[in-house]
Amino acid sequence: MTTLIRGGLVHDAVHRDACKADILLADGKIAAIGTDLTAPADAVVFDADGLDVFPGFWARTRMSSSRTAAPSRS
């Protein structure tokens, strides 16, 4: 399964400041982080605009925020 988290405020262990970016997940792993990423037509897409995203915690927490993005097909 491929998942694209689009437009979230990404916090990672590399950069001091968070930046708005997309995260592409493929087969349960982070495949890419960047802007304007594309995904296969059958990918699940989460609109994370306005949400904080912590890529290293994805596998454990899955969108466990009080404000959860709704998935959509794109």
PDB file of N, CA and C in Angstrom:
ATOM      1  N   MET A   1       0.844  -1.183   0.000  1.00  0.00           N
ATOM      2  CA  MET A   1       0.000   0.000   0.000  1.00  0.00           C
ATOM      3  C   MET A   1       0.887   1.243   0.000  1.00  0.00           C
ATOM      4  N   THR A   2       0.485   2.230  -0.747  1.00  0.00           N
ATOM      5  CA  THR A   2       1.211   3.498  -0.816  1.00  0.00           C
ATOM      6  C   THR A   2       0.331   4.593  -0.222  1.00  0.00           C
ATOM      7  N   THR A   3       0.941   5.436   0.585  1.00  0.00           N
ATOM      8  CA  THR A   3       0.244   6.532   1.242  1.00  0.00           C
ATOM      9  C   THR A   3       1.015   7.818   1.013  1.00  0.00           C
ATOM     10  N   LEU A   4       0.299   8.883   0.711  1.00  0.00           N
ATOM     11  CA  LEU A   4       0.913  10.198   0.572  1.00  0.00           C
ATOM     12  C   LEU A   4       0.300  11.118   1.611  1.00  0.00           C
ATOM     13  N   ILE A   5       1.137  11.658   2.473  1.00  0.00           N
ATOM     14  CA  ILE A   5       0.708  12.663   3.456  1.00  0.00           C
ATOM     15  C   ILE A   5       1.090  14.000   2.835  1.00  0.00           C
ATOM     16  N   ARG A   6       0.096  14.775   2.467  1.00  0.00           N
ATOM     17  CA  ARG A   6       0.342  15.986   1.674  1.00  0.00           C
ATOM     18  C   ARG A   6       0.253  17.262   2.518  1.00  0.00           C
ATOM     19  N   GLY A   7       1.316  18.078   2.433  1.00  0.00           N
ATOM     20  CA  GLY A   7       1.274  19.448   2.936  1.00  0.00           C
ATOM     21  C   GLY A   7       1.295  19.635   4.439  1.00  0.00           C
ATOM     22  N   GLY A   8       1.815  18.680   5.174  1.00  0.00           N
ATOM     23  CA  GLY A   8       1.899  18.843   6.625  1.00  0.00           C
ATOM     24  C   GLY A   8       3.136  19.625   7.031  1.00  0.00           C
ATOM     25  N   LEU A   9       3.151  20.075   8.268  1.00  0.00           N
ATOM     26  CA  LEU A   9       4.323  20.744   8.818  1.00  0.00           C
ATOM     27  C   LEU A   9       5.219  19.648   9.387  1.00  0.00           C
ATOM     28  N   VAL A  10       6.277  19.303   8.659  1.00  0.00           N
ATOM     29  CA  VAL A  10       7.103  18.138   8.961  1.00  0.00           C
ATOM     30  C   VAL A  10       8.201  18.502   9.966  1.00  0.00           C
ATOM     31  N   HIS A  11       8.246  17.746  11.047  1.00  0.00           N
ATOM     32  CA  HIS A  11       9.280  17.871  12.071  1.00  0.00           C
ATOM     33  C   HIS A  11      10.148  16.618  11.945  1.00  0.00           C
ATOM     34  N   ASP A  12      11.452  16.804  11.730  1.00  0.00           N
ATOM     35  CA  ASP A  12      12.327  15.637  11.653  1.00  0.00           C
ATOM     36  C   ASP A  12      13.538  15.830  12.569  1.00  0.00           C
ATOM     37  N   ALA A  13      14.373  14.828  12.662  1.00  0.00           N
ATOM     38  CA  ALA A  13      15.541  14.877  13.541  1.00  0.00           C
ATOM     39  C   ALA A  13      16.741  15.541  12.875  1.00  0.00           C
ATOM     40  N   VAL A  14      16.597  15.972  11.637  1.00  0.00           N
ATOM     41  CA  VAL A  14      17.712  16.549  10.898  1.00  0.00           C
ATOM     42  C   VAL A  14      17.705  18.075  10.958  1.00  0.00           C
ATOM     43  N   HIS A  15      16.540  18.669  10.798  1.00  0.00           N
ATOM     44  CA  HIS A  15      16.422  20.124  10.721  1.00  0.00           C
ATOM     45  C   HIS A  15      15.896  20.711  12.018  1.00  0.00           C
ATOM     46  N   ARG A  16      16.389  21.868  12.367  1.00  0.00           N
ATOM     47  CA  ARG A  16      15.947  22.533  13.603  1.00  0.00           C
ATOM     48  C   ARG A  16      14.492  23.006  13.486  1.00  0.00           C
ATOM     49  N   ASP A  17      14.154  23.589  12.343  1.00  0.00           N
ATOM     50  CA  ASP A  17      12.813  24.115  12.136  1.00  0.00           C
ATOM     51  C   ASP A  17      11.987  23.175  11.265  1.00  0.00           C
ATOM     52  N   ALA A  18      10.700  23.106  11.551  1.00  0.00           N
ATOM     53  CA  ALA A  18       9.785  22.301  10.736  1.00  0.00           C
ATOM     54  C   ALA A  18       9.566  23.000   9.397  1.00  0.00           C
ATOM     55  N   CYS A  19       9.231  22.216   8.367  1.00  0.00           N
ATOM     56  CA  CYS A  19       8.926  22.804   7.067  1.00  0.00           C
ATOM     57  C   CYS A  19       7.707  22.093   6.473  1.00  0.00           C
ATOM     58  N   LYS A  20       6.987  22.817   5.623  1.00  0.00           N
ATOM     59  CA  LYS A  20       5.816  22.249   4.970  1.00  0.00           C
ATOM     60  C   LYS A  20       6.287  21.325   3.853  1.00  0.00           C
ATOM     61  N   ALA A  21       5.839  20.069   3.880  1.00  0.00           N
ATOM     62  CA  ALA A  21       6.306  19.094   2.892  1.00  0.00           C
ATOM     63  C   ALA A  21       5.319  17.941   2.790  1.00  0.00           C
ATOM     64  N   ASP A  22       5.565  17.074   1.814  1.00  0.00           N
ATOM     65  CA  ASP A  22       4.802  15.842   1.621  1.00  0.00           C
ATOM     66  C   ASP A  22       5.670  14.673   2.070  1.00  0.00           C
ATOM     67  N   ILE A  23       5.022  13.595   2.510  1.00  0.00           N
ATOM     68  CA  ILE A  23       5.732  12.370   2.875  1.00  0.00           C
ATOM     69  C   ILE A  23       5.080  11.226   2.113  1.00  0.00           C
ATOM     70  N   LEU A  24       5.890  10.483   1.375  1.00  0.00           N
ATOM     71  CA  LEU A  24       5.411   9.330   0.622  1.00  0.00           C
ATOM     72  C   LEU A  24       5.827   8.061   1.357  1.00  0.00           C
ATOM     73  N   LEU A  25       4.847   7.227   1.687  1.00  0.00           N
ATOM     74  CA  LEU A  25       5.089   5.955   2.353  1.00  0.00           C
ATOM     75  C   LEU A  25       4.797   4.836   1.379  1.00  0.00           C
ATOM     76  N   ALA A  26       5.716   3.885   1.274  1.00  0.00           N
ATOM     77  CA  ALA A  26       5.524   2.730   0.392  1.00  0.00           C
ATOM     78  C   ALA A  26       5.944   1.483   1.154  1.00  0.00           C
ATOM     79  N   ASP A  27       5.071   0.503   1.175  1.00  0.00           N
ATOM     80  CA  ASP A  27       5.345  -0.754   1.874  1.00  0.00           C
ATOM     81  C   ASP A  27       5.741  -0.534   3.328  1.00  0.00           C
ATOM     82  N   GLY A  28       5.090   0.409   3.990  1.00  0.00           N
ATOM     83  CA  GLY A  28       5.311   0.649   5.403  1.00  0.00           C
ATOM     84  C   GLY A  28       6.562   1.430   5.743  1.00  0.00           C
ATOM     85  N   LYS A  29       7.258   1.976   4.740  1.00  0.00           N
ATOM     86  CA  LYS A  29       8.483   2.730   4.980  1.00  0.00           C
ATOM     87  C   LYS A  29       8.405   4.085   4.299  1.00  0.00           C
ATOM     88  N   ILE A  30       9.153   5.046   4.834  1.00  0.00           N
ATOM     89  CA  ILE A  30       9.227   6.358   4.200  1.00  0.00           C
ATOM     90  C   ILE A  30      10.029   6.225   2.912  1.00  0.00           C
ATOM     91  N   ALA A  31       9.394   6.538   1.789  1.00  0.00           N
ATOM     92  CA  ALA A  31      10.051   6.452   0.485  1.00  0.00           C
ATOM     93  C   ALA A  31      10.625   7.798   0.061  1.00  0.00           C
ATOM     94  N   ALA A  32       9.965   8.895   0.467  1.00  0.00           N
ATOM     95  CA  ALA A  32      10.440  10.226   0.087  1.00  0.00           C
ATOM     96  C   ALA A  32       9.794  11.283   0.964  1.00  0.00           C
ATOM     97  N   ILE A  33      10.530  12.363   1.176  1.00  0.00           N
ATOM     98  CA  ILE A  33      10.001  13.556   1.828  1.00  0.00           C
ATOM     99  C   ILE A  33      10.406  14.718   0.939  1.00  0.00           C
ATOM    100  N   GLY A  34       9.442  15.561   0.563  1.00  0.00           N
ATOM    101  CA  GLY A  34       9.744  16.695  -0.307  1.00  0.00           C
ATOM    102  C   GLY A  34       8.484  17.468  -0.623  1.00  0.00           C
ATOM    103  N   THR A  35       8.594  18.379  -1.541  1.00  0.00           N
ATOM    104  CA  THR A  35       7.432  19.175  -1.943  1.00  0.00           C
ATOM    105  C   THR A  35       6.904  18.671  -3.279  1.00  0.00           C
ATOM    106  N   ASP A  36       5.614  18.747  -3.442  1.00  0.00           N
ATOM    107  CA  ASP A  36       4.939  18.354  -4.691  1.00  0.00           C
ATOM    108  C   ASP A  36       5.258  16.922  -5.120  1.00  0.00           C
ATOM    109  N   LEU A  37       5.287  16.000  -4.142  1.00  0.00           N
ATOM    110  CA  LEU A  37       5.525  14.595  -4.483  1.00  0.00           C
ATOM    111  C   LEU A  37       4.316  14.013  -5.193  1.00  0.00           C
ATOM    112  N   THR A  38       4.542  13.050  -6.060  1.00  0.00           N
ATOM    113  CA  THR A  38       3.453  12.361  -6.736  1.00  0.00           C
ATOM    114  C   THR A  38       3.389  10.930  -6.222  1.00  0.00           C
ATOM    115  N   ALA A  39       2.223  10.349  -6.323  1.00  0.00           N
ATOM    116  CA  ALA A  39       2.003   8.978  -5.864  1.00  0.00           C
ATOM    117  C   ALA A  39       1.175   8.248  -6.908  1.00  0.00           C
ATOM    118  N   PRO A  40       1.189   6.911  -6.872  1.00  0.00           N
ATOM    119  CA  PRO A  40       0.357   6.145  -7.800  1.00  0.00           C
ATOM    120  C   PRO A  40      -1.126   6.498  -7.643  1.00  0.00           C
ATOM    121  N   ALA A  41      -1.880   6.254  -8.682  1.00  0.00           N
ATOM    122  CA  ALA A  41      -3.309   6.597  -8.675  1.00  0.00           C
ATOM    123  C   ALA A  41      -4.075   5.900  -7.563  1.00  0.00           C
ATOM    124  N   ASP A  42      -3.626   4.717  -7.126  1.00  0.00           N
ATOM    125  CA  ASP A  42      -4.350   3.987  -6.087  1.00  0.00           C
ATOM    126  C   ASP A  42      -3.860   4.298  -4.674  1.00  0.00           C
ATOM    127  N   ALA A  43      -2.990   5.287  -4.514  1.00  0.00           N
ATOM    128  CA  ALA A  43      -2.461   5.648  -3.200  1.00  0.00           C
ATOM    129  C   ALA A  43      -3.545   6.290  -2.338  1.00  0.00           C
ATOM    130  N   VAL A  44      -3.460   6.068  -1.048  1.00  0.00           N
ATOM    131  CA  VAL A  44      -4.301   6.766  -0.086  1.00  0.00           C
ATOM    132  C   VAL A  44      -3.619   8.100   0.186  1.00  0.00           C
ATOM    133  N   VAL A  45      -4.383   9.189   0.121  1.00  0.00           N
ATOM    134  CA  VAL A  45      -3.821  10.524   0.311  1.00  0.00           C
ATOM    135  C   VAL A  45      -4.458  11.168   1.534  1.00  0.00           C
ATOM    136  N   PHE A  46      -3.595  11.648   2.453  1.00  0.00           N
ATOM    137  CA  PHE A  46      -4.053  12.385   3.626  1.00  0.00           C
ATOM    138  C   PHE A  46      -3.726  13.853   3.410  1.00  0.00           C
ATOM    139  N   ASP A  47      -4.715  14.708   3.555  1.00  0.00           N
ATOM    140  CA  ASP A  47      -4.489  16.148   3.492  1.00  0.00           C
ATOM    141  C   ASP A  47      -4.074  16.588   4.889  1.00  0.00           C
ATOM    142  N   ALA A  48      -2.792  16.888   5.071  1.00  0.00           N
ATOM    143  CA  ALA A  48      -2.269  17.243   6.389  1.00  0.00           C
ATOM    144  C   ALA A  48      -2.049  18.745   6.533  1.00  0.00           C
ATOM    145  N   ASP A  49      -2.663  19.543   5.666  1.00  0.00           N
ATOM    146  CA  ASP A  49      -2.512  20.997   5.739  1.00  0.00           C
ATOM    147  C   ASP A  49      -2.916  21.477   7.124  1.00  0.00           C
ATOM    148  N   GLY A  50      -2.036  22.205   7.782  1.00  0.00           N
ATOM    149  CA  GLY A  50      -2.316  22.728   9.107  1.00  0.00           C
ATOM    150  C   GLY A  50      -2.012  21.753  10.239  1.00  0.00           C
ATOM    151  N   LEU A  51      -1.526  20.555   9.907  1.00  0.00           N
ATOM    152  CA  LEU A  51      -1.213  19.551  10.926  1.00  0.00           C
ATOM    153  C   LEU A  51       0.292  19.387  11.070  1.00  0.00           C
ATOM    154  N   ASP A  52       0.738  19.086  12.280  1.00  0.00           N
ATOM    155  CA  ASP A  52       2.135  18.744  12.528  1.00  0.00           C
ATOM    156  C   ASP A  52       2.328  17.268  12.223  1.00  0.00           C
ATOM    157  N   VAL A  53       3.412  16.944  11.521  1.00  0.00           N
ATOM    158  CA  VAL A  53       3.694  15.561  11.140  1.00  0.00           C
ATOM    159  C   VAL A  53       5.097  15.208  11.621  1.00  0.00           C
ATOM    160  N   PHE A  54       5.214  14.075  12.290  1.00  0.00           N
ATOM    161  CA  PHE A  54       6.487  13.603  12.822  1.00  0.00           C
ATOM    162  C   PHE A  54       6.791  12.257  12.173  1.00  0.00           C
ATOM    163  N   PRO A  55       7.533  12.235  11.059  1.00  0.00           N
ATOM    164  CA  PRO A  55       7.731  11.012  10.281  1.00  0.00           C
ATOM    165  C   PRO A  55       8.290   9.837  11.081  1.00  0.00           C
ATOM    166  N   GLY A  56       9.162  10.076  12.023  1.00  0.00           N
ATOM    167  CA  GLY A  56       9.753   8.987  12.791  1.00  0.00           C
ATOM    168  C   GLY A  56       8.779   8.289  13.707  1.00  0.00           C
ATOM    169  N   PHE A  57       7.665   8.920  14.007  1.00  0.00           N
ATOM    170  CA  PHE A  57       6.667   8.341  14.897  1.00  0.00           C
ATOM    171  C   PHE A  57       5.507   7.707  14.150  1.00  0.00           C
ATOM    172  N   TRP A  58       5.499   7.754  12.833  1.00  0.00           N
ATOM    173  CA  TRP A  58       4.351   7.306  12.029  1.00  0.00           C
ATOM    174  C   TRP A  58       3.939   5.877  12.321  1.00  0.00           C
ATOM    175  N   ALA A  59       4.868   4.951  12.321  1.00  0.00           N
ATOM    176  CA  ALA A  59       4.539   3.536  12.483  1.00  0.00           C
ATOM    177  C   ALA A  59       3.891   3.257  13.837  1.00  0.00           C
ATOM    178  N   ARG A  60       4.269   3.995  14.847  1.00  0.00           N
ATOM    179  CA  ARG A  60       3.754   3.745  16.172  1.00  0.00           C
ATOM    180  C   ARG A  60       2.451   4.476  16.477  1.00  0.00           C
ATOM    181  N   THR A  61       2.325   5.693  16.034  1.00  0.00           N
ATOM    182  CA  THR A  61       1.177   6.488  16.450  1.00  0.00           C
ATOM    183  C   THR A  61       0.079   6.604  15.414  1.00  0.00           C
ATOM    184  N   ARG A  62       0.396   6.488  14.156  1.00  0.00           N
ATOM    185  CA  ARG A  62      -0.548   6.638  13.034  1.00  0.00           C
ATOM    186  C   ARG A  62      -1.374   7.899  13.178  1.00  0.00           C
ATOM    187  N   MET A  63      -1.426   8.933  12.991  1.00  0.00           N
ATOM    188  CA  MET A  63      -2.351  10.052  13.075  1.00  0.00           C
ATOM    189  C   MET A  63      -3.149  10.064  14.386  1.00  0.00           C
ATOM    190  N   SER A  64      -2.499   9.919  15.518  1.00  0.00           N
ATOM    191  CA  SER A  64      -3.220   9.868  16.783  1.00  0.00           C
ATOM    192  C   SER A  64      -3.415  11.249  17.395  1.00  0.00           C
ATOM    193  N   SER A  65      -3.507  12.246  16.571  1.00  0.00           N
ATOM    194  CA  SER A  65      -3.754  13.605  17.032  1.00  0.00           C
ATOM    195  C   SER A  65      -5.224  13.785  17.352  1.00  0.00           C
ATOM    196  N   SER A  66      -5.517  14.799  18.153  1.00  0.00           N
ATOM    197  CA  SER A  66      -6.924  15.098  18.421  1.00  0.00           C
ATOM    198  C   SER A  66      -7.600  15.634  17.162  1.00  0.00           C
ATOM    199  N   ARG A  67      -6.796  16.140  16.216  1.00  0.00           N
ATOM    200  CA  ARG A  67      -7.325  16.587  14.929  1.00  0.00           C
ATOM    201  C   ARG A  67      -6.714  15.706  13.853  1.00  0.00           C
ATOM    202  N   THR A  68      -7.456  14.758  13.358  1.00  0.00           N
ATOM    203  CA  THR A  68      -6.937  13.774  12.421  1.00  0.00           C
ATOM    204  C   THR A  68      -7.368  14.112  11.002  1.00  0.00           C
ATOM    205  N   ALA A  69      -6.434  13.998  10.073  1.00  0.00           N
ATOM    206  CA  ALA A  69      -6.758  14.251   8.670  1.00  0.00           C
ATOM    207  C   ALA A  69      -7.613  13.118   8.118  1.00  0.00           C
ATOM    208  N   ALA A  70      -8.540  13.461   7.267  1.00  0.00           N
ATOM    209  CA  ALA A  70      -9.404  12.465   6.643  1.00  0.00           C
ATOM    210  C   ALA A  70      -8.758  11.944   5.367  1.00  0.00           C
ATOM    211  N   PRO A  71      -8.705  10.604   5.201  1.00  0.00           N
ATOM    212  CA  PRO A  71      -8.094  10.063   3.979  1.00  0.00           C
ATOM    213  C   PRO A  71      -8.991  10.275   2.767  1.00  0.00           C
ATOM    214  N   SER A  72      -8.356  10.332   1.613  1.00  0.00           N
ATOM    215  CA  SER A  72      -9.110  10.437   0.369  1.00  0.00           C
ATOM    216  C   SER A  72      -8.324   9.736  -0.721  1.00  0.00           C
ATOM    217  N   ARG A  73      -8.970   9.409  -1.795  1.00  0.00           N
ATOM    218  CA  ARG A  73      -8.281   8.844  -2.964  1.00  0.00           C
ATOM    219  C   ARG A  73      -8.034   9.983  -3.928  1.00  0.00           C
ATOM    220  N   SER A  74      -6.855  10.002  -4.538  1.00  0.00           N
ATOM    221  CA  SER A  74      -6.620  11.053  -5.524  1.00  0.00           C
ATOM    222  C   SER A  74      -6.226  10.465  -6.853  1.00  0.00           C
TER     223      SER A  74
END
